[in-house]
C-alpha cells in the first residue's frame, strides 16, 4: 500500500476493541535507516480553548495498527496510559 505521510494526517484513529476515538494523526515517528513508520502521534486536545495548554500527546505503535480506511485508521488492543475519548451521540 502506497500512502504518503501527509495523507495520514487526514485520518482519524479509532480503537476496534471498544470504539474509542482518539483524534487525528498529527505526526509520525520514522525509523530513518529503513524508512518505516514506528509510531503514529496524536496531539493532545486543547484545554479551555488553548489557554491552559494541551493534554499530553498519544503515541500508537505501528504494531497496533490493524487496518486503513479511506478516512480512518483502526488500531487494536489496550494501549497503556491512553484515556478513552468516546463521543456522545445526540
PDB file of N, CA and C in Angstrom:
ATOM      1  N   UNK A   1       0.838  -1.187   0.000  1.00  0.00           N
ATOM      2  CA  UNK A   1       0.000   0.000   0.000  1.00  0.00           C
ATOM      3  C   UNK A   1       0.876   1.241   0.000  1.00  0.00           C
ATOM      4  N   UNK A   2       0.679   2.103  -0.940  1.00  0.00           N
ATOM      5  CA  UNK A   2       1.437   3.341  -1.029  1.00  0.00           C
ATOM      6  C   UNK A   2       0.618   4.476  -0.436  1.00  0.00           C
ATOM      7  N   UNK A   3       1.109   5.006   0.677  1.00  0.00           N
ATOM      8  CA  UNK A   3       0.452   6.124   1.333  1.00  0.00           C
ATOM      9  C   UNK A   3       1.513   7.124   1.729  1.00  0.00           C
ATOM     10  N   UNK A   4       1.251   8.370   1.494  1.00  0.00           N
ATOM     11  CA  UNK A   4       2.172   9.419   1.907  1.00  0.00           C
ATOM     12  C   UNK A   4       1.873   9.806   3.350  1.00  0.00           C
ATOM     13  N   UNK A   5       2.915  10.251   4.039  1.00  0.00           N
ATOM     14  CA  UNK A   5       2.759  10.652   5.434  1.00  0.00           C
ATOM     15  C   UNK A   5       1.741  11.772   5.560  1.00  0.00           C
ATOM     16  N   UNK A   6       1.717  12.699   4.621  1.00  0.00           N
ATOM     17  CA  UNK A   6       0.750  13.796   4.647  1.00  0.00           C
ATOM     18  C   UNK A   6      -0.688  13.311   4.577  1.00  0.00           C
ATOM     19  N   UNK A   7      -0.926  12.190   3.907  1.00  0.00           N
ATOM     20  CA  UNK A   7      -2.273  11.634   3.811  1.00  0.00           C
ATOM     21  C   UNK A   7      -2.740  11.053   5.146  1.00  0.00           C
ATOM     22  N   UNK A   8      -1.812  10.638   5.993  1.00  0.00           N
ATOM     23  CA  UNK A   8      -2.180  10.089   7.304  1.00  0.00           C
ATOM     24  C   UNK A   8      -2.780  11.160   8.204  1.00  0.00           C
ATOM     25  N   UNK A   9      -2.425  12.410   7.994  1.00  0.00           N
ATOM     26  CA  UNK A   9      -2.920  13.496   8.842  1.00  0.00           C
ATOM     27  C   UNK A   9      -4.409  13.721   8.704  1.00  0.00           C
ATOM     28  N   UNK A  10      -4.997  13.230   7.651  1.00  0.00           N
ATOM     29  CA  UNK A  10      -6.433  13.397   7.419  1.00  0.00           C
ATOM     30  C   UNK A  10      -7.237  12.218   7.958  1.00  0.00           C
ATOM     31  N   UNK A  11      -6.588  11.300   8.634  1.00  0.00           N
ATOM     32  CA  UNK A  11      -7.268  10.082   9.089  1.00  0.00           C
ATOM     33  C   UNK A  11      -7.446  10.088  10.605  1.00  0.00           C
ATOM     34  N   UNK A  12      -8.635   9.686  11.042  1.00  0.00           N
ATOM     35  CA  UNK A  12      -8.942   9.601  12.464  1.00  0.00           C
ATOM     36  C   UNK A  12      -8.564   8.222  12.982  1.00  0.00           C
ATOM     37  N   UNK A  13      -8.022   8.156  14.200  1.00  0.00           N
ATOM     38  CA  UNK A  13      -7.616   6.893  14.810  1.00  0.00           C
ATOM     39  C   UNK A  13      -8.735   6.403  15.720  1.00  0.00           C
ATOM     40  N   UNK A  14      -9.200   5.166  15.466  1.00  0.00           N
ATOM     41  CA  UNK A  14     -10.297   4.563  16.225  1.00  0.00           C
ATOM     42  C   UNK A  14      -9.868   3.182  16.690  1.00  0.00           C
ATOM     43  N   UNK A  15     -10.185   2.856  17.948  1.00  0.00           N
ATOM     44  CA  UNK A  15      -9.864   1.547  18.514  1.00  0.00           C
ATOM     45  C   UNK A  15     -10.973   0.564  18.154  1.00  0.00           C
ATOM     46  N   UNK A  16     -10.628  -0.546  17.487  1.00  0.00           N
ATOM     47  CA  UNK A  16     -11.635  -1.520  17.074  1.00  0.00           C
ATOM     48  C   UNK A  16     -12.164  -2.331  18.246  1.00  0.00           C
ATOM     49  N   UNK A  17     -11.426  -2.371  19.344  1.00  0.00           N
ATOM     50  CA  UNK A  17     -11.847  -3.148  20.508  1.00  0.00           C
ATOM     51  C   UNK A  17     -13.063  -2.548  21.186  1.00  0.00           C
ATOM     52  N   UNK A  18     -13.047  -1.229  21.414  1.00  0.00           N
ATOM     53  CA  UNK A  18     -14.150  -0.608  22.152  1.00  0.00           C
ATOM     54  C   UNK A  18     -14.759   0.608  21.451  1.00  0.00           C
ATOM     55  N   UNK A  19     -14.297   0.943  20.272  1.00  0.00           N
ATOM     56  CA  UNK A  19     -14.871   2.064  19.530  1.00  0.00           C
ATOM     57  C   UNK A  19     -14.381   3.431  19.956  1.00  0.00           C
ATOM     58  N   UNK A  20     -13.362   3.492  20.812  1.00  0.00           N
ATOM     59  CA  UNK A  20     -12.836   4.786  21.264  1.00  0.00           C
ATOM     60  C   UNK A  20     -12.242   5.553  20.096  1.00  0.00           C
ATOM     61  N   UNK A  21     -12.493   6.855  20.098  1.00  0.00           N
ATOM     62  CA  UNK A  21     -11.960   7.735  19.062  1.00  0.00           C
ATOM     63  C   UNK A  21     -10.888   8.600  19.711  1.00  0.00           C
ATOM     64  N   UNK A  22      -9.685   8.557  19.163  1.00  0.00           N
ATOM     65  CA  UNK A  22      -8.564   9.260  19.780  1.00  0.00           C
ATOM     66  C   UNK A  22      -8.211  10.574  19.113  1.00  0.00           C
ATOM     67  N   UNK A  23      -8.649  10.796  17.913  1.00  0.00           N
ATOM     68  CA  UNK A  23      -8.330  12.031  17.215  1.00  0.00           C
ATOM     69  C   UNK A  23      -7.635  11.745  15.900  1.00  0.00           C
ATOM     70  N   UNK A  24      -7.068  12.771  15.319  1.00  0.00           N
ATOM     71  CA  UNK A  24      -6.437  12.673  14.014  1.00  0.00           C
ATOM     72  C   UNK A  24      -4.920  12.614  14.145  1.00  0.00           C
ATOM     73  N   UNK A  25      -4.296  11.902  13.244  1.00  0.00           N
ATOM     74  CA  UNK A  25      -2.840  11.779  13.248  1.00  0.00           C
ATOM     75  C   UNK A  25      -2.235  13.165  13.066  1.00  0.00           C
ATOM     76  N   UNK A  26      -1.320  13.523  13.955  1.00  0.00           N
ATOM     77  CA  UNK A  26      -0.644  14.807  13.859  1.00  0.00           C
ATOM     78  C   UNK A  26       0.759  14.682  13.318  1.00  0.00           C
ATOM     79  N   UNK A  27       1.392  13.519  13.587  1.00  0.00           N
ATOM     80  CA  UNK A  27       2.772  13.317  13.175  1.00  0.00           C
ATOM     81  C   UNK A  27       3.065  11.826  13.190  1.00  0.00           C
ATOM     82  N   UNK A  28       4.184  11.449  12.636  1.00  0.00           N
ATOM     83  CA  UNK A  28       4.634  10.060  12.674  1.00  0.00           C
ATOM     84  C   UNK A  28       6.091  10.040  13.111  1.00  0.00           C
ATOM     85  N   UNK A  29       6.500   8.929  13.687  1.00  0.00           N
ATOM     86  CA  UNK A  29       7.894   8.719  14.046  1.00  0.00           C
ATOM     87  C   UNK A  29       8.440   7.661  13.099  1.00  0.00           C
ATOM     88  N   UNK A  30       9.546   7.975  12.430  1.00  0.00           N
ATOM     89  CA  UNK A  30      10.105   7.091  11.417  1.00  0.00           C
ATOM     90  C   UNK A  30      11.387   6.427  11.890  1.00  0.00           C
ATOM     91  N   UNK A  31      11.625   5.234  11.398  1.00  0.00           N
ATOM     92  CA  UNK A  31      12.914   4.560  11.534  1.00  0.00           C
ATOM     93  C   UNK A  31      13.727   5.025  10.333  1.00  0.00           C
ATOM     94  N   UNK A  32      14.723   5.858  10.555  1.00  0.00           N
ATOM     95  CA  UNK A  32      15.424   6.500   9.448  1.00  0.00           C
ATOM     96  C   UNK A  32      16.180   5.512   8.561  1.00  0.00           C
ATOM     97  N   UNK A  33      16.753   4.491   9.155  1.00  0.00           N
ATOM     98  CA  UNK A  33      17.545   3.552   8.349  1.00  0.00           C
ATOM     99  C   UNK A  33      16.681   2.771   7.364  1.00  0.00           C
ATOM    100  N   UNK A  34      15.497   2.335   7.819  1.00  0.00           N
ATOM    101  CA  UNK A  34      14.636   1.525   6.955  1.00  0.00           C
ATOM    102  C   UNK A  34      13.550   2.351   6.260  1.00  0.00           C
ATOM    103  N   UNK A  35      13.267   3.543   6.781  1.00  0.00           N
ATOM    104  CA  UNK A  35      12.222   4.378   6.212  1.00  0.00           C
ATOM    105  C   UNK A  35      10.819   3.941   6.608  1.00  0.00           C
ATOM    106  N   UNK A  36      10.706   3.062   7.612  1.00  0.00           N
ATOM    107  CA  UNK A  36       9.396   2.581   8.030  1.00  0.00           C
ATOM    108  C   UNK A  36       8.869   3.385   9.213  1.00  0.00           C
ATOM    109  N   UNK A  37       7.541   3.428   9.313  1.00  0.00           N
ATOM    110  CA  UNK A  37       6.890   4.148  10.401  1.00  0.00           C
ATOM    111  C   UNK A  37       6.982   3.324  11.682  1.00  0.00           C
ATOM    112  N   UNK A  38       7.410   3.978  12.791  1.00  0.00           N
ATOM    113  CA  UNK A  38       7.471   3.316  14.095  1.00  0.00           C
ATOM    114  C   UNK A  38       6.215   3.602  14.918  1.00  0.00           C
ATOM    115  N   UNK A  39       5.786   4.862  14.938  1.00  0.00           N
ATOM    116  CA  UNK A  39       4.663   5.283  15.775  1.00  0.00           C
ATOM    117  C   UNK A  39       3.810   6.322  15.065  1.00  0.00           C
ATOM    118  N   UNK A  40       2.519   6.321  15.389  1.00  0.00           N
ATOM    119  CA  UNK A  40       1.612   7.394  14.998  1.00  0.00           C
ATOM    120  C   UNK A  40       1.432   8.280  16.220  1.00  0.00           C
ATOM    121  N   UNK A  41       1.486   9.582  16.038  1.00  0.00           N
ATOM    122  CA  UNK A  41       1.374  10.514  17.158  1.00  0.00           C
ATOM    123  C   UNK A  41       0.113  11.345  16.984  1.00  0.00           C
ATOM    124  N   UNK A  42      -0.741  11.327  18.026  1.00  0.00           N
ATOM    125  CA  UNK A  42      -1.984  12.090  18.049  1.00  0.00           C
ATOM    126  C   UNK A  42      -1.789  13.248  19.032  1.00  0.00           C
ATOM    127  N   UNK A  43      -1.903  14.505  18.577  1.00  0.00           N
ATOM    128  CA  UNK A  43      -1.733  15.622  19.512  1.00  0.00           C
ATOM    129  C   UNK A  43      -2.843  15.644  20.556  1.00  0.00           C
ATOM    130  N   UNK A  44      -2.493  16.114  21.751  1.00  0.00           N
ATOM    131  CA  UNK A  44      -3.475  16.219  22.824  1.00  0.00           C
ATOM    132  C   UNK A  44      -4.510  17.294  22.537  1.00  0.00           C
ATOM    133  N   UNK A  45      -5.687  17.119  23.133  1.00  0.00           N
ATOM    134  CA  UNK A  45      -6.752  18.113  22.955  1.00  0.00           C
ATOM    135  C   UNK A  45      -6.400  19.398  23.685  1.00  0.00           C
ATOM    136  N   UNK A  46      -6.918  20.503  23.168  1.00  0.00           N
ATOM    137  CA  UNK A  46      -6.720  21.794  23.812  1.00  0.00           C
ATOM    138  C   UNK A  46      -7.517  21.847  25.109  1.00  0.00           C
ATOM    139  N   UNK A  47      -6.942  22.477  26.127  1.00  0.00           N
ATOM    140  CA  UNK A  47      -7.654  22.689  27.383  1.00  0.00           C
ATOM    141  C   UNK A  47      -8.159  24.121  27.408  1.00  0.00           C
ATOM    142  N   UNK A  48      -9.443  24.278  27.618  1.00  0.00           N
ATOM    143  CA  UNK A  48     -10.089  25.581  27.706  1.00  0.00           C
ATOM    144  C   UNK A  48      -9.642  26.498  26.576  1.00  0.00           C
ATOM    145  N   UNK A  49      -9.960  26.076  25.356  1.00  0.00           N
ATOM    146  CA  UNK A  49      -9.688  26.839  24.140  1.00  0.00           C
ATOM    147  C   UNK A  49      -8.205  27.141  23.930  1.00  0.00           C
ATOM    148  N   UNK A  50      -7.335  26.331  24.500  1.00  0.00           N
ATOM    149  CA  UNK A  50      -5.900  26.511  24.325  1.00  0.00           C
ATOM    150  C   UNK A  50      -5.247  27.418  25.348  1.00  0.00           C
ATOM    151  N   UNK A  51      -6.056  28.061  26.182  1.00  0.00           N
ATOM    152  CA  UNK A  51      -5.488  28.977  27.174  1.00  0.00           C
ATOM    153  C   UNK A  51      -4.738  28.233  28.275  1.00  0.00           C
ATOM    154  N   UNK A  52      -5.129  26.991  28.533  1.00  0.00           N
ATOM    155  CA  UNK A  52      -4.482  26.201  29.577  1.00  0.00           C
ATOM    156  C   UNK A  52      -3.574  25.124  29.002  1.00  0.00           C
ATOM    157  N   UNK A  53      -3.169  25.290  27.767  1.00  0.00           N
ATOM    158  CA  UNK A  53      -2.257  24.332  27.140  1.00  0.00           C
ATOM    159  C   UNK A  53      -3.003  23.173  26.514  1.00  0.00           C
ATOM    160  N   UNK A  54      -2.304  22.058  26.396  1.00  0.00           N
ATOM    161  CA  UNK A  54      -2.835  20.850  25.776  1.00  0.00           C
ATOM    162  C   UNK A  54      -2.699  19.664  26.706  1.00  0.00           C
ATOM    163  N   UNK A  55      -3.541  18.663  26.461  1.00  0.00           N
ATOM    164  CA  UNK A  55      -3.356  17.376  27.118  1.00  0.00           C
ATOM    165  C   UNK A  55      -2.134  16.720  26.488  1.00  0.00           C
ATOM    166  N   UNK A  56      -1.544  15.715  27.142  1.00  0.00           N
ATOM    167  CA  UNK A  56      -0.378  15.047  26.563  1.00  0.00           C
ATOM    168  C   UNK A  56      -0.719  14.358  25.243  1.00  0.00           C
ATOM    169  N   UNK A  57       0.268  14.289  24.351  1.00  0.00           N
ATOM    170  CA  UNK A  57       0.041  13.591  23.085  1.00  0.00           C
ATOM    171  C   UNK A  57      -0.035  12.088  23.330  1.00  0.00           C
ATOM    172  N   UNK A  58      -0.640  11.393  22.390  1.00  0.00           N
ATOM    173  CA  UNK A  58      -0.792   9.947  22.478  1.00  0.00           C
ATOM    174  C   UNK A  58       0.029   9.310  21.372  1.00  0.00           C
ATOM    175  N   UNK A  59       0.768   8.270  21.725  1.00  0.00           N
ATOM    176  CA  UNK A  59       1.639   7.603  20.770  1.00  0.00           C
ATOM    177  C   UNK A  59       1.142   6.174  20.573  1.00  0.00           C
ATOM    178  N   UNK A  60       0.856   5.833  19.326  1.00  0.00           N
ATOM    179  CA  UNK A  60       0.384   4.495  18.978  1.00  0.00           C
ATOM    180  C   UNK A  60       1.487   3.769  18.228  1.00  0.00           C
ATOM    181  N   UNK A  61       1.943   2.619  18.732  1.00  0.00           N
ATOM    182  CA  UNK A  61       2.957   1.866  17.990  1.00  0.00           C
ATOM    183  C   UNK A  61       2.380   1.330  16.682  1.00  0.00           C
ATOM    184  N   UNK A  62       3.213   1.246  15.672  1.00  0.00           N
ATOM    185  CA  UNK A  62       2.775   0.764  14.365  1.00  0.00           C
ATOM    186  C   UNK A  62       2.201  -0.643  14.468  1.00  0.00           C
ATOM    187  N   UNK A  63       2.681  -1.436  15.418  1.00  0.00           N
ATOM    188  CA  UNK A  63       2.187  -2.808  15.585  1.00  0.00           C
ATOM    189  C   UNK A  63       0.719  -2.847  16.001  1.00  0.00           C
ATOM    190  N   UNK A  64       0.179  -1.749  16.539  1.00  0.00           N
ATOM    191  CA  UNK A  64      -1.228  -1.696  16.957  1.00  0.00           C
ATOM    192  C   UNK A  64      -2.168  -1.408  15.792  1.00  0.00           C
ATOM    193  N   UNK A  65      -1.636  -0.946  14.668  1.00  0.00           N
ATOM    194  CA  UNK A  65      -2.472  -0.613  13.505  1.00  0.00           C
ATOM    195  C   UNK A  65      -2.965  -1.896  12.862  1.00  0.00           C
ATOM    196  N   UNK A  66      -4.286  -1.981  12.671  1.00  0.00           N
ATOM    197  CA  UNK A  66      -4.883  -3.176  12.070  1.00  0.00           C
ATOM    198  C   UNK A  66      -5.351  -2.947  10.643  1.00  0.00           C
ATOM    199  N   UNK A  67      -5.862  -1.764  10.363  1.00  0.00           N
ATOM    200  CA  UNK A  67      -6.414  -1.515   9.038  1.00  0.00           C
ATOM    201  C   UNK A  67      -6.477  -0.019   8.750  1.00  0.00           C
ATOM    202  N   UNK A  68      -6.353   0.295   7.466  1.00  0.00           N
ATOM    203  CA  UNK A  68      -6.519   1.664   6.994  1.00  0.00           C
ATOM    204  C   UNK A  68      -7.802   1.741   6.206  1.00  0.00           C
ATOM    205  N   UNK A  69      -8.595   2.752   6.493  1.00  0.00           N
ATOM    206  CA  UNK A  69      -9.753   3.040   5.672  1.00  0.00           C
ATOM    207  C   UNK A  69      -9.465   4.288   4.872  1.00  0.00           C
ATOM    208  N   UNK A  70     -10.458   4.744   4.151  1.00  0.00           N
ATOM    209  CA  UNK A  70     -10.268   5.950   3.367  1.00  0.00           C
ATOM    210  C   UNK A  70     -10.066   7.175   4.253  1.00  0.00           C
ATOM    211  N   UNK A  71     -10.750   7.190   5.410  1.00  0.00           N
ATOM    212  CA  UNK A  71     -10.609   8.333   6.307  1.00  0.00           C
ATOM    213  C   UNK A  71     -10.394   7.951   7.765  1.00  0.00           C
ATOM    214  N   UNK A  72     -10.125   6.665   8.054  1.00  0.00           N
ATOM    215  CA  UNK A  72      -9.841   6.243   9.423  1.00  0.00           C
ATOM    216  C   UNK A  72      -8.684   5.244   9.447  1.00  0.00           C
ATOM    217  N   UNK A  73      -8.064   5.148  10.621  1.00  0.00           N
ATOM    218  CA  UNK A  73      -7.062   4.124  10.890  1.00  0.00           C
ATOM    219  C   UNK A  73      -7.573   3.349  12.090  1.00  0.00           C
ATOM    220  N   UNK A  74      -7.695   2.042  11.952  1.00  0.00           N
ATOM    221  CA  UNK A  74      -8.169   1.199  13.044  1.00  0.00           C
ATOM    222  C   UNK A  74      -6.978   0.624  13.795  1.00  0.00           C
ATOM    223  N   UNK A  75      -6.992   0.802  15.119  1.00  0.00           N
ATOM    224  CA  UNK A  75      -5.964   0.225  15.976  1.00  0.00           C
ATOM    225  C   UNK A  75      -6.633  -0.770  16.908  1.00  0.00           C
ATOM    226  N   UNK A  76      -5.844  -1.693  17.465  1.00  0.00           N
ATOM    227  CA  UNK A  76      -6.426  -2.728  18.307  1.00  0.00           C
ATOM    228  C   UNK A  76      -5.615  -2.878  19.579  1.00  0.00           C
ATOM    229  N   UNK A  77      -6.318  -3.260  20.626  1.00  0.00           N
ATOM    230  CA  UNK A  77      -5.675  -3.598  21.886  1.00  0.00           C
ATOM    231  C   UNK A  77      -5.716  -2.469  22.888  1.00  0.00           C
ATOM    232  N   UNK A  78      -5.429  -2.849  24.119  1.00  0.00           N
ATOM    233  CA  UNK A  78      -5.350  -1.873  25.198  1.00  0.00           C
ATOM    234  C   UNK A  78      -3.999  -1.182  25.122  1.00  0.00           C
ATOM    235  N   UNK A  79      -4.018   0.096  24.969  1.00  0.00           N
ATOM    236  CA  UNK A  79      -2.781   0.854  24.910  1.00  0.00           C
ATOM    237  C   UNK A  79      -2.592   1.534  26.255  1.00  0.00           C
ATOM    238  N   UNK A  80      -1.527   1.196  26.982  1.00  0.00           N
ATOM    239  CA  UNK A  80      -1.351   1.701  28.349  1.00  0.00           C
ATOM    240  C   UNK A  80      -1.290   3.215  28.421  1.00  0.00           C
ATOM    241  N   UNK A  81      -2.000   3.760  29.401  1.00  0.00           N
ATOM    242  CA  UNK A  81      -1.969   5.191  29.653  1.00  0.00           C
ATOM    243  C   UNK A  81      -2.804   6.036  28.717  1.00  0.00           C
ATOM    244  N   UNK A  82      -3.608   5.426  27.865  1.00  0.00           N
ATOM    245  CA  UNK A  82      -4.426   6.200  26.941  1.00  0.00           C
ATOM    246  C   UNK A  82      -5.873   6.246  27.418  1.00  0.00           C
ATOM    247  N   UNK A  83      -6.375   7.431  27.722  1.00  0.00           N
ATOM    248  CA  UNK A  83      -7.778   7.534  28.112  1.00  0.00           C
ATOM    249  C   UNK A  83      -8.688   7.361  26.911  1.00  0.00           C
ATOM    250  N   UNK A  84      -9.856   6.841  27.146  1.00  0.00           N
ATOM    251  CA  UNK A  84     -10.847   6.682  26.086  1.00  0.00           C
ATOM    252  C   UNK A  84     -11.416   8.044  25.729  1.00  0.00           C
ATOM    253  N   UNK A  85     -11.722   8.250  24.455  1.00  0.00           N
ATOM    254  CA  UNK A  85     -12.306   9.521  24.014  1.00  0.00           C
ATOM    255  C   UNK A  85     -13.571   9.251  23.236  1.00  0.00           C
ATOM    256  N   UNK A  86     -14.499   8.635  23.842  1.00  0.00           N
ATOM    257  CA  UNK A  86     -15.772   8.360  23.171  1.00  0.00           C
ATOM    258  C   UNK A  86     -16.567   9.624  23.024  1.00  0.00           C
ATOM    259  N   UNK A  87     -17.125   9.810  21.870  1.00  0.00           N
ATOM    260  CA  UNK A  87     -18.001  10.970  21.646  1.00  0.00           C
ATOM    261  C   UNK A  87     -19.426  10.573  21.955  1.00  0.00           C
ATOM    262  N   UNK A  88     -20.115  11.482  22.594  1.00  0.00           N
ATOM    263  CA  UNK A  88     -21.519  11.222  22.885  1.00  0.00           C
ATOM    264  C   UNK A  88     -22.357  11.397  21.637  1.00  0.00           C
ATOM    265  N   UNK A  89     -23.301  10.521  21.469  1.00  0.00           N
ATOM    266  CA  UNK A  89     -24.220  10.635  20.334  1.00  0.00           C
ATOM    267  C   UNK A  89     -25.465  11.356  20.787  1.00  0.00           C
ATOM    268  N   UNK A  90     -25.925  12.274  19.971  1.00  0.00           N
ATOM    269  CA  UNK A  90     -27.125  13.017  20.323  1.00  0.00           C
ATOM    270  C   UNK A  90     -28.310  12.517  19.554  1.00  0.00           C
TER     271      UNK A  90
END
